[in-house]
Amino acid sequence: MAKKEKKPLSKKKAITIYSIVGALLIGGGIGTGVVLYQFFGFNGTDYSNIAQDSLEMNMVELTKRYEKANVTTLKDATSKFNIPELANIAIYNSEAHESMSIIAKGEVTATMNVKQSIRSYQIKKDNHYFLEQISHSSFVELAWRIYGDETKTTTTKGKYVDIEEGDFVNGPTTTEYTNEEFEKTWGKQMSSSMIYIISDKTVLDTSSFTVEGDSLKLSLDLHPIFSVVRYVKQMVKTSDLGREPSFHSVHLDMEIDKDLVLQKVDIKEVYDVQSFGITSKNTVGELHEVRYYDLNEDIPELSQKSNYNKEA
């Protein structure tokens, strides 16, 4: 994901963007106030006073009810649990596997139709965790790896090689956290596989479910502020943003099997984000995630390439 390391947007490249914006203003005869605000104005969202723990589902109470319910069919499950509860049960059952691999592929479309390709690879093996995030556009290239266990989490910022490979050996930036410090800074601990908060307080009334054969499908519309309180921290750290994005909508389509184990998630988000002084309004992010169980994959060393060779 070999190329020379690209630093965050250079001054020269930033000037090029400003010049393009200026040319559009002049050539189109557009009111400068409106368009300049579109590119440079950013109100943002203040998440600092939101108590994220108070938004979470009470998993102790839910798992007790789930274990007592003795669910045998999907129809039985949907009669005993509501949509936020079903989503959390599926995530709980997913994370209960001793080994799990998650591959996500997607794209972000920003202002002026700039495309940012995204790859994400997660591995859980017993109590050891791994996350790789790689992204690329004509302006930004990023490569991250994160390793965690029961006591600590280590982040490594490497160099982009291609969309499924980073260089994490030559001149990386490494930071070590306690798991609690990592959660505070990055939004969640590595033992959690879901960055969004899904609960009765974040799932909107427009959400729905269908049972199709041996599959339960949840269509989740999430609150655009409360559901992303953890996620925006990760976005800031991963992409070196000056401040948190401001979301307009978050939609998740979950596919869950007959044993109430999460198999796939399709994500679509719309948000405003500011980077290098440029505001991208109504940025659209789309991601397709597939979960694989009991593959017993080894977590790659820093010098090893991840294996994205799965159908995702």
Protein backbone atom coordinates (compact mmCIF):
# COMPACT_ATOMS: atom_id res chain seq x y z
CA MET A 1 0.00 0.00 0.00
CA ALA A 2 6.99 0.67 -3.25
CA LYS A 3 6.14 4.40 -2.85
CA LYS A 4 7.80 7.14 -0.88
CA GLU A 5 6.06 8.11 2.31
CA LYS A 6 3.53 10.85 1.76
CA LYS A 7 3.15 13.34 4.54
CA PRO A 8 -0.17 14.98 5.39
CA LEU A 9 -1.33 17.41 2.73
CA SER A 10 1.58 19.68 1.86
CA LYS A 11 1.37 23.45 1.71
CA LYS A 12 1.79 23.26 -2.06
CA LYS A 13 -1.08 20.82 -2.41
CA ALA A 14 -3.27 22.86 -0.06
CA ILE A 15 -2.61 25.96 -2.19
CA THR A 16 -3.60 23.92 -5.25
CA ILE A 17 -6.96 23.10 -3.64
CA TYR A 18 -7.56 26.73 -2.69
CA SER A 19 -6.71 27.72 -6.28
CA ILE A 20 -9.19 25.22 -7.66
CA VAL A 21 -11.89 26.57 -5.35
CA GLY A 22 -11.05 30.13 -6.41
CA ALA A 23 -11.21 29.21 -10.08
CA LEU A 24 -14.60 27.62 -9.57
CA LEU A 25 -15.88 30.79 -7.90
CA ILE A 26 -14.64 33.05 -10.67
CA GLY A 27 -15.54 30.79 -13.56
CA GLY A 28 -19.01 30.02 -12.27
CA GLY A 29 -19.92 33.54 -11.20
CA ILE A 30 -21.07 32.15 -7.86
CA GLY A 31 -21.68 34.20 -4.73
CA THR A 32 -18.41 33.95 -2.82
CA GLY A 33 -19.95 33.99 0.65
CA VAL A 34 -22.03 30.88 0.07
CA VAL A 35 -19.38 28.85 -1.68
CA LEU A 36 -16.51 29.85 0.59
CA TYR A 37 -18.58 28.67 3.54
CA GLN A 38 -19.20 25.38 1.73
CA PHE A 39 -15.45 24.80 1.46
CA PHE A 40 -14.05 26.49 4.57
CA GLY A 41 -16.92 26.98 7.06
CA PHE A 42 -17.40 24.23 9.63
CA ASN A 43 -19.64 24.46 12.67
CA GLY A 44 -18.80 21.00 13.95
CA THR A 45 -20.47 19.10 16.78
CA ASP A 46 -19.51 19.30 20.44
CA TYR A 47 -19.45 15.77 21.87
CA SER A 48 -17.52 16.68 25.03
CA ASN A 49 -20.50 16.83 27.39
CA ILE A 50 -22.12 13.59 26.23
CA ALA A 51 -21.82 10.77 28.78
CA GLN A 52 -21.14 7.90 26.38
CA ASP A 53 -21.44 5.18 29.02
CA SER A 54 -25.02 6.28 29.77
CA LEU A 55 -25.93 5.62 26.12
CA GLU A 56 -24.72 2.01 26.10
CA MET A 57 -26.96 -1.03 26.25
CA ASN A 58 -26.95 -2.73 29.67
CA MET A 59 -25.27 -5.92 28.46
CA VAL A 60 -25.26 -7.63 31.86
CA GLU A 61 -29.04 -7.39 32.09
CA LEU A 62 -29.55 -8.24 28.41
CA THR A 63 -27.34 -11.34 28.40
CA LYS A 64 -29.08 -12.65 31.52
CA ARG A 65 -32.47 -12.31 29.82
CA TYR A 66 -31.11 -13.84 26.62
CA GLU A 67 -29.69 -16.88 28.41
CA LYS A 68 -32.97 -17.43 30.26
CA ALA A 69 -35.10 -16.97 27.13
CA ASN A 70 -33.92 -20.24 25.54
CA VAL A 71 -34.41 -18.86 22.02
CA THR A 72 -34.80 -21.65 19.44
CA THR A 73 -35.89 -19.82 16.27
CA LEU A 74 -35.49 -16.39 14.72
CA LYS A 75 -39.25 -15.85 15.05
CA ASP A 76 -38.90 -16.63 18.74
CA ALA A 77 -36.04 -14.15 19.05
CA THR A 78 -37.91 -11.30 17.38
CA SER A 79 -40.92 -11.85 19.64
CA LYS A 80 -38.82 -11.61 22.82
CA PHE A 81 -36.30 -8.89 21.99
CA ASN A 82 -36.48 -5.50 20.30
CA ILE A 83 -34.24 -4.31 17.45
CA PRO A 84 -31.43 -2.75 19.55
CA GLU A 85 -31.39 -5.86 21.75
CA LEU A 86 -31.20 -8.19 18.74
CA ALA A 87 -28.26 -6.22 17.34
CA ASN A 88 -26.38 -6.41 20.63
CA ILE A 89 -27.09 -10.11 21.09
CA ALA A 90 -25.66 -10.76 17.62
CA ILE A 91 -22.53 -8.74 18.44
CA TYR A 92 -22.22 -10.51 21.80
CA ASN A 93 -22.44 -13.93 20.16
CA SER A 94 -19.93 -12.83 17.53
CA GLU A 95 -17.38 -11.72 20.10
CA ALA A 96 -17.86 -14.92 22.11
CA HIS A 97 -15.94 -16.87 19.44
CA GLU A 98 -12.34 -17.61 20.40
CA SER A 99 -11.16 -16.59 16.95
CA MET A 100 -12.69 -14.14 14.52
CA SER A 101 -11.51 -12.23 11.45
CA ILE A 102 -13.28 -9.17 10.06
CA ILE A 103 -12.58 -7.73 6.62
CA ALA A 104 -14.10 -4.42 5.59
CA LYS A 105 -13.82 -2.71 2.22
CA GLY A 106 -15.32 0.60 1.21
CA GLU A 107 -15.07 4.10 -0.13
CA VAL A 108 -15.60 7.66 1.05
CA THR A 109 -16.79 10.28 -1.45
CA ALA A 110 -15.86 13.80 -0.40
CA THR A 111 -16.17 17.32 -1.83
CA MET A 112 -15.49 17.64 -5.58
CA ASN A 113 -16.06 13.88 -5.92
CA VAL A 114 -12.71 12.99 -4.32
CA LYS A 115 -12.71 9.23 -3.64
CA GLN A 116 -10.98 7.71 -0.63
CA SER A 117 -10.59 3.91 -0.75
CA ILE A 118 -10.67 2.11 2.60
CA ARG A 119 -9.57 -1.29 3.90
CA SER A 120 -9.86 -2.62 7.42
CA TYR A 121 -8.72 -5.97 8.81
CA GLN A 122 -9.42 -7.18 12.34
CA ILE A 123 -8.36 -10.39 14.04
CA LYS A 124 -9.32 -11.77 17.43
CA LYS A 125 -7.36 -14.80 18.62
CA ASP A 126 -8.09 -15.78 22.20
CA ASN A 127 -7.33 -12.59 24.16
CA HIS A 128 -5.11 -11.00 21.52
CA TYR A 129 -6.39 -8.42 19.05
CA PHE A 130 -5.24 -6.84 15.80
CA LEU A 131 -6.57 -4.02 13.62
CA GLU A 132 -5.17 -2.70 10.36
CA GLN A 133 -6.64 0.37 8.66
CA ILE A 134 -5.43 1.56 5.25
CA SER A 135 -6.86 4.33 3.10
CA HIS A 136 -5.90 6.15 -0.08
CA SER A 137 -7.00 9.11 -2.19
CA SER A 138 -5.21 11.57 -4.47
CA PHE A 139 -4.55 13.76 -1.40
CA VAL A 140 -4.21 11.43 1.59
CA GLU A 141 -2.57 8.05 2.21
CA LEU A 142 -2.77 6.39 5.63
CA ALA A 143 -1.67 3.08 7.14
CA TRP A 144 -2.27 2.07 10.76
CA ARG A 145 -1.82 -1.08 12.80
CA ILE A 146 -3.06 -1.62 16.33
CA TYR A 147 -2.21 -4.56 18.58
CA GLY A 148 -3.91 -5.30 21.88
CA ASP A 149 -4.10 -7.84 24.68
CA GLU A 150 -5.61 -7.95 28.16
CA THR A 151 -3.33 -5.24 29.56
CA LYS A 152 -2.14 -2.87 26.84
CA THR A 153 -2.73 -1.55 23.32
CA THR A 154 -0.03 -0.39 20.90
CA THR A 155 -0.67 1.76 17.83
CA THR A 156 1.74 1.98 14.89
CA LYS A 157 1.42 4.59 12.16
CA GLY A 158 3.23 3.34 9.07
CA LYS A 159 3.62 4.24 5.41
CA TYR A 160 1.08 3.53 2.70
CA VAL A 161 2.28 0.99 0.10
CA ASP A 162 -0.98 0.01 -1.59
CA ILE A 163 -4.60 -0.34 -0.58
CA GLU A 164 -3.96 -3.69 1.11
CA GLU A 165 -0.43 -3.15 2.39
CA GLY A 166 1.46 -0.77 4.63
CA ASP A 167 5.10 -0.49 5.64
CA PHE A 168 5.22 -0.65 9.43
CA VAL A 169 8.96 -1.36 9.76
CA ASN A 170 10.76 1.61 8.20
CA GLY A 171 10.30 4.68 10.38
CA PRO A 172 6.92 3.99 12.00
CA THR A 173 5.44 6.06 14.83
CA THR A 174 4.50 3.81 17.75
CA THR A 175 2.50 4.66 20.88
CA GLU A 176 1.69 2.36 23.79
CA TYR A 177 -1.45 2.79 25.93
CA THR A 178 -3.13 1.02 28.78
CA ASN A 179 -6.45 -0.34 27.52
CA GLU A 180 -8.28 2.36 29.46
CA GLU A 181 -6.11 5.11 27.96
CA PHE A 182 -6.66 3.70 24.49
CA GLU A 183 -10.44 3.68 24.94
CA LYS A 184 -10.38 7.29 26.13
CA THR A 185 -8.28 8.40 23.16
CA TRP A 186 -9.49 6.12 20.34
CA GLY A 187 -13.10 5.51 21.41
CA LYS A 188 -13.19 1.82 22.36
CA GLN A 189 -11.06 -1.04 23.58
CA MET A 190 -9.81 -3.62 21.11
CA SER A 191 -11.95 -6.35 22.66
CA SER A 192 -15.03 -4.56 21.30
CA SER A 193 -15.69 -5.16 17.60
CA MET A 194 -18.34 -2.42 17.15
CA ILE A 195 -17.41 1.28 17.21
CA TYR A 196 -21.00 2.57 17.04
CA ILE A 197 -23.18 2.76 20.15
CA ILE A 198 -26.29 0.69 19.49
CA SER A 199 -28.98 0.89 22.17
CA ASP A 200 -32.54 2.01 22.88
CA LYS A 201 -31.11 5.54 23.12
CA THR A 202 -29.43 5.54 19.73
CA VAL A 203 -31.60 3.36 17.45
CA LEU A 204 -34.25 5.47 15.73
CA ASP A 205 -37.91 4.49 15.25
CA THR A 206 -37.40 4.18 11.48
CA SER A 207 -35.36 1.01 12.05
CA SER A 208 -36.87 -2.36 11.08
CA PHE A 209 -36.22 -6.08 10.74
CA THR A 210 -37.12 -8.97 8.45
CA VAL A 211 -36.68 -12.71 8.75
CA GLU A 212 -35.66 -14.33 5.47
CA GLY A 213 -35.23 -18.09 5.80
CA ASP A 214 -32.32 -18.69 8.18
CA SER A 215 -31.29 -15.03 8.24
CA LEU A 216 -32.39 -12.12 10.39
CA LYS A 217 -31.81 -8.76 8.73
CA LEU A 218 -31.78 -5.57 10.77
CA SER A 219 -32.08 -2.17 9.12
CA LEU A 220 -30.76 0.30 11.69
CA ASP A 221 -31.05 4.07 11.52
CA LEU A 222 -28.85 5.48 14.28
CA HIS A 223 -28.91 8.81 16.06
CA PRO A 224 -26.35 10.98 14.21
CA ILE A 225 -24.79 12.29 17.42
CA PHE A 226 -25.26 9.75 20.21
CA SER A 227 -24.32 6.68 18.15
CA VAL A 228 -20.97 8.14 16.98
CA VAL A 229 -19.58 9.51 20.26
CA ARG A 230 -16.92 6.79 20.30
CA TYR A 231 -16.47 6.63 16.54
CA VAL A 232 -15.52 10.29 16.09
CA LYS A 233 -12.54 9.80 18.41
CA GLN A 234 -11.26 7.04 16.16
CA MET A 235 -11.79 9.20 13.07
CA VAL A 236 -9.78 12.07 14.57
CA LYS A 237 -6.86 9.81 15.49
CA THR A 238 -6.81 7.77 12.29
CA SER A 239 -7.02 10.71 9.90
CA ASP A 240 -5.24 13.40 11.96
CA LEU A 241 -8.34 15.63 11.94
CA GLY A 242 -8.34 18.94 13.75
CA ARG A 243 -11.76 18.27 15.24
CA GLU A 244 -14.56 15.74 15.23
CA PRO A 245 -16.81 15.35 12.16
CA SER A 246 -20.47 16.31 12.29
CA PHE A 247 -22.83 13.53 11.21
CA HIS A 248 -26.12 13.86 9.32
CA SER A 249 -27.06 10.17 9.20
CA VAL A 250 -25.78 6.70 10.06
CA HIS A 251 -27.37 3.55 8.63
CA LEU A 252 -26.38 -0.07 9.29
CA ASP A 253 -27.74 -3.18 7.58
CA MET A 254 -26.93 -6.25 9.66
CA GLU A 255 -27.19 -9.84 8.49
CA ILE A 256 -27.50 -12.33 11.37
CA ASP A 257 -27.62 -16.12 11.12
CA LYS A 258 -30.08 -18.57 12.72
CA ASP A 259 -27.87 -18.83 15.82
CA LEU A 260 -28.04 -15.04 16.27
CA VAL A 261 -24.41 -14.52 15.27
CA LEU A 262 -23.53 -11.40 13.27
CA GLN A 263 -22.26 -12.25 9.78
CA LYS A 264 -22.23 -9.06 7.69
CA VAL A 265 -22.68 -5.32 8.15
CA ASP A 266 -23.22 -2.73 5.42
CA ILE A 267 -22.64 0.82 6.60
CA LYS A 268 -23.60 4.13 5.03
CA GLU A 269 -22.82 7.46 6.68
CA VAL A 270 -23.22 11.09 5.71
CA TYR A 271 -21.19 13.72 7.54
CA ASP A 272 -19.30 17.01 7.34
CA VAL A 273 -15.59 16.90 8.02
CA GLN A 274 -12.77 19.43 7.98
CA SER A 275 -9.19 18.55 7.11
CA PHE A 276 -6.30 20.93 6.31
CA GLY A 277 -8.76 23.83 6.52
CA ILE A 278 -10.99 22.41 3.78
CA THR A 279 -14.54 21.42 4.69
CA SER A 280 -16.12 18.47 2.91
CA LYS A 281 -19.87 18.72 3.39
CA ASN A 282 -22.22 15.77 2.98
CA THR A 283 -19.31 13.37 2.71
CA VAL A 284 -20.63 9.86 2.03
CA GLY A 285 -18.90 6.85 3.54
CA GLU A 286 -19.86 3.29 2.58
CA LEU A 287 -18.34 0.12 4.00
CA HIS A 288 -19.04 -3.59 3.54
CA GLU A 289 -17.92 -5.78 6.45
CA VAL A 290 -17.79 -9.59 6.59
CA ARG A 291 -17.05 -11.62 9.71
CA TYR A 292 -15.29 -15.01 9.59
CA TYR A 293 -15.23 -17.40 12.53
CA ASP A 294 -12.89 -20.08 13.85
CA LEU A 295 -10.25 -19.62 11.13
CA ASN A 296 -7.62 -19.58 13.90
CA GLU A 297 -5.60 -16.98 11.98
CA ASP A 298 -2.26 -15.89 13.35
CA ILE A 299 -1.92 -12.18 14.04
CA PRO A 300 0.69 -10.82 11.59
CA GLU A 301 3.97 -9.35 12.80
CA LEU A 302 4.77 -5.76 11.83
CA SER A 303 6.91 -7.06 8.95
CA GLN A 304 4.17 -9.35 7.60
CA LYS A 305 1.45 -8.44 5.13
CA SER A 306 -2.20 -9.00 6.06
CA ASN A 307 -4.24 -11.54 4.11
CA TYR A 308 -7.19 -9.78 2.49
CA ASN A 309 -7.72 -12.72 0.12
CA LYS A 310 -11.23 -13.49 1.27
CA GLU A 311 -14.56 -12.76 -0.34
CA ALA A 312 -15.76 -9.59 1.39
